């Protein structure tokens, strides 16, 4: 199924805005908070004395590129389905998403996930588990990845978040997640404006409590936009290659930026041996496909080259023990048949991609 947004849907999605508020801690103390100048209808009898905390802003993706069809299991081979398994659907149009398509879909869509207590799933190779029945939203921009909790409580590694909180982390190697409170009223308005009042209602109690803290100046906006850190069209273009599952896994699994070249080369080596053209495509440098990218055909161009590579005979003869590095951190070697191949890599926009794979030329 190909899914495309019409112009009105694209404008509506571009208008989605979430605000994320930091937990109140002395480390987030504000120097010049904006204090309220009018008295609300009802306020606490005693004003809290905690200093205002910072607030980050999240905006939703601006458009949804087409997704490739998902293969289905033939009717003659029934598969047992767990009725209690987590369910996934796009936030924008409630389209069901299969669990094995979630990572890929997140490059262009926000996804709602509903989980029962004790149930879990893998997100970019990392476990997310519900400690109680939960509804969460999964999303990313070209700079950040996040798990936003509407109701319940979830755990991502050692990080826990409940209703009104979000776990997010920069999409860079070695980045650590943070757990922060987000703005309930802004999220609710966004969801109602986009036709998802059902999601907005899950935050009624949290938002009521948070509004009181807002009035007393305990939270204030931060100059950070987690959902769209750069202009919408630029963010969408960057997500198309930075947030592909393989690129995300490489960066998430690397301990620091220096580990990324070897992690990329090792992943490419494994996917070549396995004949996995989709994964090979995601690790080819976008810089090689600038003209197709201008025509919004980056994915197709990369996949075409990847299909050609994995169809060649030498990929079936790769020696699984032959992968090795060189004195150049962007140059790796391996053996296939009677030849030695050289894999060259190059940094491109916060990631390291493969630029060439060719037989070694002996001097």
Protein backbone atom coordinates (compact mmCIF):
# COMPACT_ATOMS: atom_id res chain seq x y z
CA UNK A 1 0.00 0.00 0.00
CA UNK A 2 1.34 3.42 -0.95
CA UNK A 3 0.35 6.14 1.49
CA UNK A 4 0.61 9.81 0.52
CA UNK A 5 -0.59 12.99 2.20
CA UNK A 6 -2.77 15.39 0.26
CA UNK A 7 -2.07 19.11 0.62
CA UNK A 8 -4.58 19.66 3.41
CA UNK A 9 -3.22 16.69 5.37
CA UNK A 10 0.32 17.92 4.93
CA UNK A 11 -0.62 21.37 6.24
CA UNK A 12 -2.44 19.83 9.17
CA UNK A 13 0.49 17.59 10.05
CA UNK A 14 2.95 20.46 9.69
CA UNK A 15 0.87 22.38 12.19
CA UNK A 16 1.16 19.75 14.93
CA UNK A 17 3.21 21.12 17.81
CA UNK A 18 4.19 19.56 21.11
CA UNK A 19 5.99 21.32 23.94
CA UNK A 20 8.36 19.43 26.19
CA UNK A 21 9.04 20.70 29.70
CA UNK A 22 12.09 19.76 31.72
CA UNK A 23 11.72 18.23 35.16
CA UNK A 24 12.02 20.86 37.90
CA UNK A 25 15.55 20.67 39.23
CA UNK A 26 18.15 23.22 40.35
CA UNK A 27 20.20 22.31 37.29
CA UNK A 28 17.44 23.69 35.03
CA UNK A 29 17.05 26.98 36.92
CA UNK A 30 16.04 29.92 34.69
CA UNK A 31 17.86 33.27 34.80
CA UNK A 32 15.00 35.48 33.55
CA UNK A 33 11.66 33.72 33.84
CA UNK A 34 8.53 35.30 32.39
CA UNK A 35 6.13 35.71 35.33
CA UNK A 36 2.34 35.86 34.79
CA UNK A 37 0.75 39.31 34.90
CA UNK A 38 -2.88 38.27 35.37
CA UNK A 39 -4.57 36.19 38.05
CA UNK A 40 -6.35 33.01 36.89
CA UNK A 41 -9.77 32.07 38.21
CA UNK A 42 -8.35 29.61 40.71
CA UNK A 43 -4.82 29.37 42.07
CA UNK A 44 -3.14 27.55 44.97
CA UNK A 45 -3.37 29.29 48.33
CA UNK A 46 0.41 29.34 48.71
CA UNK A 47 2.82 30.05 45.88
CA UNK A 48 5.53 27.40 45.39
CA UNK A 49 9.09 28.66 45.69
CA UNK A 50 10.79 26.31 43.22
CA UNK A 51 12.58 28.15 40.41
CA UNK A 52 11.16 27.81 36.86
CA UNK A 53 12.46 24.95 34.73
CA UNK A 54 13.22 25.01 31.04
CA UNK A 55 10.86 23.77 28.32
CA UNK A 56 11.71 22.26 24.93
CA UNK A 57 9.41 22.27 21.90
CA UNK A 58 8.52 19.35 19.66
CA UNK A 59 6.88 19.63 16.24
CA UNK A 60 5.51 16.74 14.21
CA UNK A 61 6.79 15.68 10.77
CA UNK A 62 5.70 17.90 7.90
CA UNK A 63 4.95 15.24 5.30
CA UNK A 64 4.68 11.50 4.80
CA UNK A 65 6.57 9.93 1.88
CA UNK A 66 5.15 6.78 0.29
CA UNK A 67 5.81 3.52 2.10
CA UNK A 68 6.48 0.28 0.28
CA UNK A 69 3.91 -2.53 0.59
CA UNK A 70 4.33 -5.00 3.43
CA UNK A 71 4.54 -8.66 2.47
CA UNK A 72 1.72 -10.79 3.86
CA UNK A 73 1.75 -14.42 4.86
CA UNK A 74 -0.11 -16.71 2.43
CA UNK A 75 -3.43 -18.01 3.71
CA UNK A 76 -2.11 -21.56 3.41
CA UNK A 77 0.47 -20.82 6.10
CA UNK A 78 -1.46 -19.45 9.10
CA UNK A 79 0.59 -17.79 11.81
CA UNK A 80 -0.46 -17.75 15.46
CA UNK A 81 -1.27 -14.21 16.56
CA UNK A 82 -0.91 -13.07 20.17
CA UNK A 83 -4.10 -11.11 20.95
CA UNK A 84 -2.23 -9.28 23.72
CA UNK A 85 0.69 -8.18 21.55
CA UNK A 86 1.44 -4.43 21.21
CA UNK A 87 -0.49 -2.71 18.41
CA UNK A 88 0.80 0.10 16.19
CA UNK A 89 -0.95 2.69 14.02
CA UNK A 90 0.06 6.01 12.44
CA UNK A 91 -0.99 9.06 14.43
CA UNK A 92 -2.03 11.00 11.36
CA UNK A 93 -4.44 8.58 9.67
CA UNK A 94 -4.67 5.58 12.06
CA UNK A 95 -3.22 3.24 9.46
CA UNK A 96 -2.10 -0.07 11.05
CA UNK A 97 1.65 -0.68 11.03
CA UNK A 98 3.16 -4.16 11.34
CA UNK A 99 5.71 -4.56 14.18
CA UNK A 100 8.56 -5.30 11.76
CA UNK A 101 7.77 -2.11 9.79
CA UNK A 102 7.79 0.29 12.75
CA UNK A 103 11.47 1.28 12.53
CA UNK A 104 11.20 2.04 8.84
CA UNK A 105 7.91 3.91 9.10
CA UNK A 106 9.32 6.19 11.80
CA UNK A 107 11.53 7.90 9.21
CA UNK A 108 8.37 9.68 8.04
CA UNK A 109 5.53 9.07 10.54
CA UNK A 110 4.64 9.33 14.21
CA UNK A 111 3.26 6.03 15.47
CA UNK A 112 0.81 5.32 18.30
CA UNK A 113 1.50 2.15 20.26
CA UNK A 114 -0.79 0.48 22.81
CA UNK A 115 0.71 -2.08 25.19
CA UNK A 116 -0.59 -4.21 28.04
CA UNK A 117 1.38 -4.53 31.27
CA UNK A 118 4.50 -6.66 30.84
CA UNK A 119 4.43 -6.53 27.04
CA UNK A 120 7.39 -5.19 25.08
CA UNK A 121 8.73 -4.58 21.59
CA UNK A 122 12.00 -3.64 19.91
CA UNK A 123 12.53 -0.03 18.85
CA UNK A 124 15.62 0.41 16.63
CA UNK A 125 17.04 -2.70 18.29
CA UNK A 126 16.31 -1.56 21.87
CA UNK A 127 13.59 -2.90 24.21
CA UNK A 128 10.55 -0.86 25.24
CA UNK A 129 8.39 -2.48 27.94
CA UNK A 130 5.14 -1.41 29.60
CA UNK A 131 5.07 -1.60 33.40
CA UNK A 132 1.29 -1.05 33.22
CA UNK A 133 -1.24 -0.71 30.38
CA UNK A 134 0.12 2.17 28.31
CA UNK A 135 -0.48 4.32 25.25
CA UNK A 136 2.65 5.91 23.82
CA UNK A 137 3.74 7.81 20.72
CA UNK A 138 6.97 6.93 18.90
CA UNK A 139 8.62 9.53 16.71
CA UNK A 140 11.79 11.12 15.45
CA UNK A 141 13.17 14.14 13.64
CA UNK A 142 16.49 14.48 11.85
CA UNK A 143 18.15 15.21 15.23
CA UNK A 144 16.17 13.33 17.88
CA UNK A 145 14.30 10.10 18.61
CA UNK A 146 11.63 9.89 21.28
CA UNK A 147 9.07 7.79 23.17
CA UNK A 148 6.24 10.00 24.47
CA UNK A 149 3.89 8.58 27.12
CA UNK A 150 0.21 9.51 27.08
CA UNK A 151 -0.94 7.05 29.72
CA UNK A 152 0.59 4.29 31.79
CA UNK A 153 4.31 3.79 32.36
CA UNK A 154 7.02 2.41 30.09
CA UNK A 155 10.67 1.49 30.45
CA UNK A 156 13.38 2.06 27.85
CA UNK A 157 16.53 0.32 29.13
CA UNK A 158 16.93 1.86 32.62
CA UNK A 159 14.82 4.94 31.85
CA UNK A 160 11.20 5.08 33.02
CA UNK A 161 8.50 7.52 31.96
CA UNK A 162 4.84 7.84 32.89
CA UNK A 163 1.96 10.00 31.64
CA UNK A 164 3.09 13.48 30.62
CA UNK A 165 6.74 12.52 30.19
CA UNK A 166 8.92 11.76 27.19
CA UNK A 167 12.14 9.77 26.80
CA UNK A 168 14.27 11.30 24.06
CA UNK A 169 17.85 11.21 22.86
CA UNK A 170 19.89 12.90 20.10
CA UNK A 171 20.48 10.75 17.02
CA UNK A 172 24.24 10.72 17.55
CA UNK A 173 26.60 7.94 18.58
CA UNK A 174 27.08 7.74 22.32
CA UNK A 175 24.11 10.02 23.10
CA UNK A 176 22.29 9.33 26.37
CA UNK A 177 18.50 9.46 26.75
CA UNK A 178 16.78 12.04 28.95
CA UNK A 179 13.37 11.87 30.62
CA UNK A 180 11.43 15.14 30.61
CA UNK A 181 7.93 16.41 31.23
CA UNK A 182 6.14 17.76 28.16
CA UNK A 183 3.38 20.36 27.84
CA UNK A 184 -0.01 18.66 28.12
CA UNK A 185 -2.13 21.59 26.96
CA UNK A 186 -0.07 22.18 23.81
CA UNK A 187 -0.13 18.50 22.95
CA UNK A 188 -3.87 18.30 23.53
CA UNK A 189 -4.52 21.26 21.25
CA UNK A 190 -2.37 19.73 18.53
CA UNK A 191 -4.17 16.40 18.74
CA UNK A 192 -7.64 17.98 18.69
CA UNK A 193 -6.69 20.17 15.73
CA UNK A 194 -5.53 17.06 13.87
CA UNK A 195 -8.66 15.03 14.61
CA UNK A 196 -7.21 12.94 17.45
CA UNK A 197 -9.33 14.08 20.40
CA UNK A 198 -9.13 10.49 21.67
CA UNK A 199 -5.41 10.96 22.33
CA UNK A 200 -5.90 14.42 23.81
CA UNK A 201 -8.35 13.09 26.42
CA UNK A 202 -5.73 10.77 27.88
CA UNK A 203 -3.90 13.81 29.29
CA UNK A 204 -6.80 15.66 30.95
CA UNK A 205 -5.73 14.97 34.55
CA UNK A 206 -2.03 15.60 33.88
CA UNK A 207 -2.71 18.86 32.02
CA UNK A 208 -4.92 20.20 34.81
CA UNK A 209 -2.11 19.68 37.33
CA UNK A 210 0.52 21.07 34.98
CA UNK A 211 -1.47 24.23 34.22
CA UNK A 212 -1.25 25.22 37.87
CA UNK A 213 2.53 24.83 37.82
CA UNK A 214 2.65 26.81 34.60
CA UNK A 215 0.83 29.73 36.21
CA UNK A 216 3.30 29.85 39.08
CA UNK A 217 6.16 29.99 36.58
CA UNK A 218 7.61 26.60 37.46
CA UNK A 219 8.15 25.79 33.77
CA UNK A 220 9.15 27.96 30.81
CA UNK A 221 9.88 27.36 27.10
CA UNK A 222 13.31 26.13 25.98
CA UNK A 223 14.75 27.04 22.61
CA UNK A 224 14.81 23.43 21.46
CA UNK A 225 12.52 21.84 18.90
CA UNK A 226 12.79 18.07 19.24
CA UNK A 227 10.33 17.23 16.47
CA UNK A 228 11.65 19.66 13.84
CA UNK A 229 15.04 21.14 14.77
CA UNK A 230 15.48 22.61 11.27
CA UNK A 231 13.12 23.91 8.57
CA UNK A 232 10.38 21.39 7.76
CA UNK A 233 11.44 20.50 4.21
CA UNK A 234 15.09 20.17 5.27
CA UNK A 235 14.19 18.03 8.26
CA UNK A 236 12.10 15.75 6.06
CA UNK A 237 14.95 15.34 3.58
CA UNK A 238 17.47 14.56 6.33
CA UNK A 239 15.14 12.04 7.99
CA UNK A 240 14.94 10.16 4.69
CA UNK A 241 18.51 8.94 5.16
CA UNK A 242 19.56 9.67 8.78
CA UNK A 243 16.55 7.89 10.27
CA UNK A 244 16.53 4.77 8.13
CA UNK A 245 16.69 1.75 10.50
CA UNK A 246 20.25 0.71 9.65
CA UNK A 247 21.65 4.23 10.02
CA UNK A 248 19.89 4.57 13.38
CA UNK A 249 21.11 1.19 14.65
CA UNK A 250 24.70 1.95 13.70
CA UNK A 251 24.67 5.23 15.65
CA UNK A 252 22.71 3.87 18.60
CA UNK A 253 25.04 0.89 19.01
CA UNK A 254 28.28 2.86 18.65
CA UNK A 255 29.79 3.92 21.99
CA UNK A 256 31.09 7.19 20.57
CA UNK A 257 31.47 8.92 17.18
CA UNK A 258 34.87 7.31 16.61
CA UNK A 259 33.20 3.87 16.56
CA UNK A 260 30.77 4.78 13.76
CA UNK A 261 33.06 4.10 10.72
CA UNK A 262 33.88 0.56 11.82
CA UNK A 263 30.27 -0.08 12.87
CA UNK A 264 29.07 1.02 9.43
CA UNK A 265 31.65 -1.08 7.60
CA UNK A 266 30.96 -4.13 9.75
CA UNK A 267 27.20 -3.81 9.21
CA UNK A 268 27.68 -3.44 5.45
CA UNK A 269 29.92 -6.52 5.42
CA UNK A 270 27.29 -8.59 7.24
CA UNK A 271 24.46 -7.42 4.96
CA UNK A 272 26.50 -8.14 1.83
CA UNK A 273 27.14 -11.69 3.03
CA UNK A 274 23.43 -12.16 3.81
CA UNK A 275 22.31 -10.66 0.48
CA UNK A 276 20.15 -8.07 2.26
CA UNK A 277 19.78 -5.40 -0.41
CA UNK A 278 17.44 -3.13 1.62
CA UNK A 279 19.96 -2.84 4.45
CA UNK A 280 22.84 -2.39 2.00
CA UNK A 281 20.95 0.50 0.38
CA UNK A 282 20.50 2.31 3.69
CA UNK A 283 24.28 2.37 4.25
CA UNK A 284 25.21 3.75 0.81
CA UNK A 285 26.21 7.41 0.98
CA UNK A 286 23.41 9.82 -0.02
CA UNK A 287 26.17 12.00 -1.50
CA UNK A 288 26.38 9.52 -4.39
CA UNK A 289 22.73 10.18 -5.26
CA UNK A 290 22.34 13.96 -5.15
CA UNK A 291 20.52 14.20 -8.50
CA UNK A 292 17.95 11.48 -7.68
CA UNK A 293 17.52 13.08 -4.24
CA UNK A 294 16.50 16.36 -5.89
CA UNK A 295 13.70 14.43 -7.62
CA UNK A 296 12.66 12.76 -4.34
CA UNK A 297 13.99 9.44 -5.65
CA UNK A 298 16.84 8.85 -3.19
CA UNK A 299 15.45 5.60 -1.78
CA UNK A 300 14.73 4.15 -5.23
CA UNK A 301 18.19 5.05 -6.52
CA UNK A 302 19.97 3.56 -3.52
CA UNK A 303 17.91 0.37 -3.69
CA UNK A 304 18.65 0.00 -7.39
CA UNK A 305 22.40 0.13 -6.78
CA UNK A 306 22.10 -2.19 -3.77
CA UNK A 307 20.18 -4.77 -5.81
CA UNK A 308 22.92 -4.69 -8.44
CA UNK A 309 25.63 -5.18 -5.82
CA UNK A 310 24.08 -8.13 -3.99
CA UNK A 311 23.23 -9.87 -7.28
CA UNK A 312 26.90 -10.12 -8.24
CA UNK A 313 28.58 -13.49 -7.85
CA UNK A 314 31.42 -12.32 -5.61
CA UNK A 315 29.00 -11.47 -2.78
CA UNK A 316 28.19 -15.19 -2.50
CA UNK A 317 31.90 -15.96 -2.00
CA UNK A 318 32.70 -13.57 0.84
CA UNK A 319 34.91 -15.10 3.54
CA UNK A 320 33.13 -14.38 6.82
CA UNK A 321 36.47 -14.32 8.71
CA UNK A 322 38.18 -11.90 6.35
CA UNK A 323 36.81 -8.52 7.47
CA UNK A 324 39.60 -6.26 8.71
CA UNK A 325 40.46 -2.62 9.19
CA UNK A 326 43.44 -0.64 7.95
CA UNK A 327 45.45 2.32 9.24
CA UNK A 328 42.79 4.52 7.62
CA UNK A 329 39.61 4.53 9.78
CA UNK A 330 37.53 5.01 6.62
CA UNK A 331 39.01 2.05 4.70
CA UNK A 332 38.26 -1.64 5.32
CA UNK A 333 39.10 -4.85 3.49
CA UNK A 334 37.70 -8.36 3.05
CA UNK A 335 38.13 -11.37 0.79
CA UNK A 336 35.67 -12.84 -1.70
CA UNK A 337 36.74 -15.76 -3.85
CA UNK A 338 40.30 -15.13 -4.99
CA UNK A 339 40.10 -11.35 -4.71
CA UNK A 340 40.51 -8.80 -1.94
CA UNK A 341 37.94 -6.01 -1.84
CA UNK A 342 38.34 -2.51 -0.43
CA UNK A 343 35.41 -0.72 1.22
CA UNK A 344 35.72 3.05 1.46
CA UNK A 345 33.61 5.22 3.74
CA UNK A 346 33.05 8.96 4.19
CA UNK A 347 31.28 11.12 6.80
CA UNK A 348 28.03 12.72 5.66
CA UNK A 349 25.68 14.72 7.90
CA UNK A 350 26.29 13.15 11.35
CA UNK A 351 26.69 9.65 9.92
CA UNK A 352 29.36 7.68 8.07
CA UNK A 353 28.31 5.93 4.86
CA UNK A 354 29.90 3.59 2.31
CA UNK A 355 31.06 5.36 -0.87
CA UNK A 356 32.68 2.48 -2.77
CA UNK A 357 33.40 -1.27 -2.75
CA UNK A 358 35.90 -2.43 -5.36
CA UNK A 359 38.65 -5.02 -5.92
CA UNK A 360 42.03 -4.06 -4.54
CA UNK A 361 44.44 -2.74 -7.15
CA UNK A 362 47.91 -4.07 -6.40
CA UNK A 363 50.82 -1.81 -7.29
